[in-house]
Amino acid sequence: MEGNSAEVNATATSDRSDIAAGIRQTLPVGMGLIPLGLAFGLLIAQTGFSWWWAPIFSFVVYAGSMEFLAVGLVMAHTGLLGCAVTSFMVNFRHVFYGLTFPRDRIQSRLGRAYSTYALTDESYAIVSAANPAEKMSGRRLLTIQILCQLLWVGSGIVGALTGAALPEGIRGAEFALVALFTVLAMDAFETSKDWSLPLAAIVCTLVGWLINPNQMLVIGLLMYFGLLLLRVWSPRVDRVMRMTSASDQRVTEGE
């Protein structure tokens, strides 16, 4: 009996430790969701929707940039086909997120289903920026994703309620989206200081713009994903393209 009790206590302690670690990892990036959620809530109120549409959008769609666009699509009375094509182009990157997100560490089917639904830029960035030597548990992964959604939904509700009490015509709050992605990019670069990655992303984006400005995002992502695959499959190409300092190179190689 004492042995079973010790195992239960150890498991409970481990669970609490995983949840606490997930909260600590989420808060630095997750706090950036608050101004973004407030901006989305303001947008909801300023476009004439009732405040309770903010949580509806955030639960049904739950994709920050697409939620901003969805409001415009609804207001423009865009058809289902147009909405579907726009959603596919904007969220096409999530196809690649799913290839490397460690969803298999979550034990329950319900947990894995929620993790698939709640896979966002922020949760993916938090998990990707973690120490590669530290294997995250499924409980910590879910903690990160649940906290991200709570921060987003909660701030959206506050923003919508506040926006309903403010005068119409407020502009510029949507810039929070740009600021958040900038912070995520900086955090990801701190993990792997390889200058070839952001430079390649810029080049792919420019080429996509030259080919078709309206499809720039999809074209750029496809080219960048193809380049990443080439670097994974060919270590020789990866070594040639890598642009890191000698000290960063030794850290990457684990020396």
Foldseek 3Di string as FASTA:
>chain_A
DVVVVVVVVVVVVVLVVLLVVLCVLQVVLLVLLLLLLLLLLLVCQQVPHALVVSLVLCVPPVASVLSVVVVVCVVVVPDPVVNVVVCCLVCVCVVVLVVPPVLVLADDPVLSVVLSVQDYLSLSLSVLLDDPVDDRHSSSSSSNSVSSSCSNSVSNSVSNVVSNPDDHDDDDSNCSVVVSVVVSVVSNCVSQVWVLLVVLLVVLLVVLCVVPVVSSRVRSVVVSVVVVVVCVVDVVVVVVSTDDDPVSVCVVVPD
